[in-house]
């Protein structure tokens, strides 16, 4: 093939191949009860891989006064979004799907050649929780005891029978649940009246045989008798064993 023929082929390929510019995905969040923008919430962006798996590709805080977060320069593909606001609102996937479910249940967002805007209306939680302390914890290689005080504040005003428990995520595959135990639920009453609170202390022991790494400690609070995830509130802190 002569040089001029190669040039013609390259020119044809450039003409026939569409050039798709990266696009933006704008996500806004408002309180479902008041309609007010949710500021300081968080948005997780997931993308569908060629293998058909959902992979988290970005995590952003909503710091705009209008409750808006923008993912800029996204390549064409299939995405979805999880919106959440710490302990004040229930998390939600795109498509009005409860946030405790897997991303497979969410409505996909197709990014091709134009910007996309989506909006969330997050339901307020009936109670709010805070952890003391909430900062990352550090344990020596020999392990030790980890405790956290959980404060629960009544938002709805109703008296509730609740339970609190702990699950340790991100445990390495060679660490079994006996090494990093799940803390069994502890039950307590949240008194009637908006703004009233209850506090409970949860603790667990990390033995020396547990792998030296970072762990993600999830604290959950939900209804005592039948705890549907839709009514459960969670908060978390990081735990490092055997490192700095």
Protein backbone atom coordinates (compact mmCIF):
# COMPACT_ATOMS: atom_id res chain seq x y z
CA UNK A 1 0.00 0.00 0.00
CA UNK A 2 1.38 3.40 -0.97
CA UNK A 3 1.74 6.30 1.41
CA UNK A 4 -1.15 8.21 -0.16
CA UNK A 5 -3.44 5.19 0.34
CA UNK A 6 -2.49 5.03 4.03
CA UNK A 7 -3.30 8.71 4.38
CA UNK A 8 -6.70 8.20 2.79
CA UNK A 9 -7.50 5.32 5.17
CA UNK A 10 -6.52 7.39 8.22
CA UNK A 11 -8.60 10.34 7.08
CA UNK A 12 -11.63 8.09 6.53
CA UNK A 13 -11.22 6.54 9.99
CA UNK A 14 -11.16 9.98 11.60
CA UNK A 15 -14.25 11.06 9.68
CA UNK A 16 -16.25 7.90 10.45
CA UNK A 17 -15.29 7.63 14.16
CA UNK A 18 -17.45 9.96 16.31
CA UNK A 19 -15.58 12.00 18.89
CA UNK A 20 -17.60 12.06 22.14
CA UNK A 21 -16.56 14.78 24.55
CA UNK A 22 -16.58 14.03 28.29
CA UNK A 23 -19.80 15.09 30.02
CA UNK A 24 -20.83 16.30 33.46
CA UNK A 25 -23.22 14.63 35.90
CA UNK A 26 -24.93 17.02 38.30
CA UNK A 27 -26.54 15.61 41.46
CA UNK A 28 -28.78 17.62 43.79
CA UNK A 29 -30.27 16.60 47.14
CA UNK A 30 -33.18 18.07 49.12
CA UNK A 31 -34.96 17.12 52.32
CA UNK A 32 -38.13 15.22 51.43
CA UNK A 33 -40.04 16.77 54.34
CA UNK A 34 -39.04 20.41 53.92
CA UNK A 35 -37.78 20.67 50.34
CA UNK A 36 -34.68 22.45 51.62
CA UNK A 37 -31.29 21.70 49.97
CA UNK A 38 -29.09 19.22 51.82
CA UNK A 39 -25.63 20.64 52.36
CA UNK A 40 -22.64 18.57 53.49
CA UNK A 41 -24.14 15.34 52.22
CA UNK A 42 -22.09 12.87 50.19
CA UNK A 43 -22.48 11.33 46.74
CA UNK A 44 -20.89 8.06 45.59
CA UNK A 45 -20.53 7.45 41.86
CA UNK A 46 -20.48 3.90 40.49
CA UNK A 47 -19.68 2.74 36.94
CA UNK A 48 -20.65 -0.51 35.24
CA UNK A 49 -17.50 -2.36 34.10
CA UNK A 50 -17.11 -4.47 30.97
CA UNK A 51 -17.42 -7.52 33.21
CA UNK A 52 -20.88 -6.37 34.31
CA UNK A 53 -19.82 -5.35 37.82
CA UNK A 54 -20.51 -2.06 39.57
CA UNK A 55 -17.33 -0.29 40.68
CA UNK A 56 -17.17 2.85 42.81
CA UNK A 57 -15.18 5.44 40.86
CA UNK A 58 -15.73 8.68 42.82
CA UNK A 59 -16.85 10.06 46.19
CA UNK A 60 -17.71 13.70 46.68
CA UNK A 61 -18.99 15.93 49.47
CA UNK A 62 -21.85 18.30 48.76
CA UNK A 63 -20.59 21.71 49.82
CA UNK A 64 -22.68 23.85 47.48
CA UNK A 65 -25.36 25.93 49.21
CA UNK A 66 -27.92 24.57 46.76
CA UNK A 67 -27.21 20.96 47.74
CA UNK A 68 -25.56 20.20 44.41
CA UNK A 69 -22.50 18.12 43.50
CA UNK A 70 -21.02 17.88 39.99
CA UNK A 71 -18.91 15.06 38.58
CA UNK A 72 -17.00 16.64 35.71
CA UNK A 73 -15.47 15.10 32.61
CA UNK A 74 -17.11 11.67 32.70
CA UNK A 75 -16.36 9.31 29.84
CA UNK A 76 -19.29 7.65 28.04
CA UNK A 77 -20.64 4.69 29.95
CA UNK A 78 -23.29 3.43 32.37
CA UNK A 79 -23.25 4.89 35.87
CA UNK A 80 -25.40 5.11 38.97
CA UNK A 81 -25.33 7.20 42.15
CA UNK A 82 -25.78 6.69 45.89
CA UNK A 83 -26.75 9.82 47.85
CA UNK A 84 -26.50 9.97 51.63
CA UNK A 85 -26.23 12.47 54.45
CA UNK A 86 -24.46 10.80 57.37
CA UNK A 87 -27.07 10.11 60.05
CA UNK A 88 -29.69 12.78 59.24
CA UNK A 89 -31.27 11.23 56.14
CA UNK A 90 -31.76 7.72 54.80
CA UNK A 91 -29.35 6.84 51.94
CA UNK A 92 -30.87 6.39 48.52
CA UNK A 93 -29.81 5.00 45.15
CA UNK A 94 -30.84 6.64 41.89
CA UNK A 95 -34.38 5.53 41.04
CA UNK A 96 -35.76 5.95 44.58
CA UNK A 97 -34.15 2.70 45.77
CA UNK A 98 -33.29 2.29 49.46
CA UNK A 99 -29.57 2.77 50.07
CA UNK A 100 -29.10 -0.49 51.98
CA UNK A 101 -29.58 -2.46 48.75
CA UNK A 102 -26.86 -3.30 46.20
CA UNK A 103 -26.20 -1.02 43.20
CA UNK A 104 -27.76 -3.66 40.92
CA UNK A 105 -31.15 -2.48 42.18
CA UNK A 106 -30.49 1.15 41.27
CA UNK A 107 -31.62 2.83 38.06
CA UNK A 108 -28.69 3.14 35.64
CA UNK A 109 -27.58 6.50 34.23
CA UNK A 110 -26.29 6.43 30.65
CA UNK A 111 -23.68 9.07 29.87
CA UNK A 112 -23.16 9.55 26.13
CA UNK A 113 -22.91 12.97 24.47
CA UNK A 114 -24.69 15.38 26.83
CA UNK A 115 -24.66 16.50 30.44
CA UNK A 116 -27.08 14.85 32.87
CA UNK A 117 -28.91 16.30 35.89
CA UNK A 118 -30.52 14.08 38.55
CA UNK A 119 -32.23 14.96 41.83
CA UNK A 120 -32.77 13.15 45.13
CA UNK A 121 -35.38 13.67 47.85
CA UNK A 122 -33.93 12.05 50.96
CA UNK A 123 -36.21 11.00 53.81
CA UNK A 124 -35.21 12.33 57.25
CA UNK A 125 -34.30 9.72 59.85
CA UNK A 126 -36.52 9.49 62.97
CA UNK A 127 -33.43 9.79 65.16
CA UNK A 128 -29.86 11.00 64.81
CA UNK A 129 -26.73 9.31 66.15
CA UNK A 130 -23.24 10.53 66.98
CA UNK A 131 -20.10 8.71 68.10
CA UNK A 132 -17.71 9.68 70.87
CA UNK A 133 -14.96 9.60 69.94
CA UNK A 134 -15.44 9.51 66.16
CA UNK A 135 -11.77 9.96 65.18
CA UNK A 136 -9.73 7.02 63.76
CA UNK A 137 -8.49 4.59 66.43
CA UNK A 138 -5.09 2.91 66.60
CA UNK A 139 -4.27 -0.40 68.26
CA UNK A 140 -0.85 -2.05 68.68
CA UNK A 141 -0.06 -5.36 66.96
CA UNK A 142 -1.00 -7.07 70.20
CA UNK A 143 -4.62 -5.95 69.78
CA UNK A 144 -6.78 -4.44 72.49
CA UNK A 145 -10.24 -3.29 73.45
CA UNK A 146 -12.21 -0.82 71.34
CA UNK A 147 -15.15 1.07 72.82
CA UNK A 148 -17.40 3.79 71.48
CA UNK A 149 -20.17 5.79 73.11
CA UNK A 150 -23.23 6.15 70.91
CA UNK A 151 -25.56 9.10 71.52
CA UNK A 152 -29.03 8.85 69.97
CA UNK A 153 -31.17 12.00 69.66
CA UNK A 154 -34.92 11.83 69.09
CA UNK A 155 -35.90 13.71 65.91
CA UNK A 156 -39.48 12.53 65.38
CA UNK A 157 -40.53 12.86 69.02
CA UNK A 158 -41.85 9.29 69.32
CA UNK A 159 -40.74 6.93 72.08
CA UNK A 160 -38.87 4.01 70.53
CA UNK A 161 -37.40 0.67 71.57
CA UNK A 162 -34.06 0.51 69.75
CA UNK A 163 -31.01 -1.68 69.51
CA UNK A 164 -27.41 -0.81 68.65
CA UNK A 165 -24.76 -3.11 67.22
CA UNK A 166 -21.39 -3.07 65.47
CA UNK A 167 -20.10 -4.72 62.30
CA UNK A 168 -16.43 -4.54 61.30
CA UNK A 169 -16.01 -4.24 57.53
CA UNK A 170 -12.93 -4.56 55.31
CA UNK A 171 -11.62 -7.56 57.23
CA UNK A 172 -8.99 -9.42 55.13
CA UNK A 173 -10.05 -12.82 53.77
CA UNK A 174 -7.66 -14.65 56.10
CA UNK A 175 -9.22 -12.95 59.12
CA UNK A 176 -12.39 -14.74 60.19
CA UNK A 177 -15.26 -13.21 62.14
CA UNK A 178 -13.93 -14.76 65.34
CA UNK A 179 -10.84 -12.56 64.97
CA UNK A 180 -12.84 -9.36 64.49
CA UNK A 181 -16.19 -10.12 66.14
CA UNK A 182 -19.59 -8.67 65.43
CA UNK A 183 -20.95 -6.92 68.52
CA UNK A 184 -24.32 -8.39 69.43
CA UNK A 185 -27.23 -5.90 69.56
CA UNK A 186 -27.87 -4.06 72.81
CA UNK A 187 -31.39 -2.80 73.43
CA UNK A 188 -32.45 0.49 75.00
CA UNK A 189 -35.29 3.00 75.04
CA UNK A 190 -35.23 6.37 73.28
CA UNK A 191 -37.47 8.66 75.39
CA UNK A 192 -40.43 10.51 73.93
CA UNK A 193 -39.91 14.14 72.93
CA UNK A 194 -37.98 15.91 70.18
CA UNK A 195 -34.40 16.58 71.19
CA UNK A 196 -34.35 14.06 74.02
CA UNK A 197 -31.54 11.50 73.88
CA UNK A 198 -30.12 8.22 75.14
CA UNK A 199 -26.51 7.05 75.23
CA UNK A 200 -25.06 3.56 75.15
CA UNK A 201 -21.49 2.24 75.11
CA UNK A 202 -20.48 -0.59 72.76
CA UNK A 203 -17.15 -2.42 72.99
CA UNK A 204 -15.29 -5.34 71.42
CA UNK A 205 -11.86 -6.95 71.72
CA UNK A 206 -9.41 -7.31 68.82
CA UNK A 207 -7.05 -10.25 69.51
CA UNK A 208 -3.35 -10.36 68.53
CA UNK A 209 -4.06 -12.88 65.72
CA UNK A 210 -6.19 -10.35 63.80
CA UNK A 211 -4.43 -9.04 60.69
CA UNK A 212 -2.53 -5.76 61.03
CA UNK A 213 -4.44 -3.42 58.71
CA UNK A 214 -7.15 -0.74 58.56
CA UNK A 215 -10.72 -1.72 59.45
CA UNK A 216 -14.00 0.13 58.93
CA UNK A 217 -16.18 -0.05 62.03
CA UNK A 218 -19.90 0.45 61.35
CA UNK A 219 -22.24 1.31 64.23
CA UNK A 220 -25.92 0.64 63.54
CA UNK A 221 -29.03 1.73 65.45
CA UNK A 222 -32.47 0.43 64.46
CA UNK A 223 -35.86 -0.77 65.75
CA UNK A 224 -35.47 -3.49 68.37
CA UNK A 225 -38.00 -6.13 67.39
CA UNK A 226 -37.92 -6.11 63.59
CA UNK A 227 -35.12 -3.95 62.29
CA UNK A 228 -35.75 -3.18 58.63
CA UNK A 229 -32.77 -1.51 57.00
CA UNK A 230 -35.03 1.31 55.80
CA UNK A 231 -35.38 2.42 59.43
CA UNK A 232 -31.76 1.87 60.48
CA UNK A 233 -29.26 4.68 61.01
CA UNK A 234 -25.50 4.17 60.91
CA UNK A 235 -22.24 5.95 61.60
CA UNK A 236 -18.67 4.74 61.30
CA UNK A 237 -15.04 5.24 62.26
CA UNK A 238 -11.70 3.84 61.05
CA UNK A 239 -9.63 1.42 63.11
CA UNK A 240 -5.95 0.70 62.46
CA UNK A 241 -4.24 -2.31 64.05
CA UNK A 242 -0.47 -2.66 64.15
CA UNK A 243 0.39 0.49 62.22
CA UNK A 244 0.37 4.23 62.15
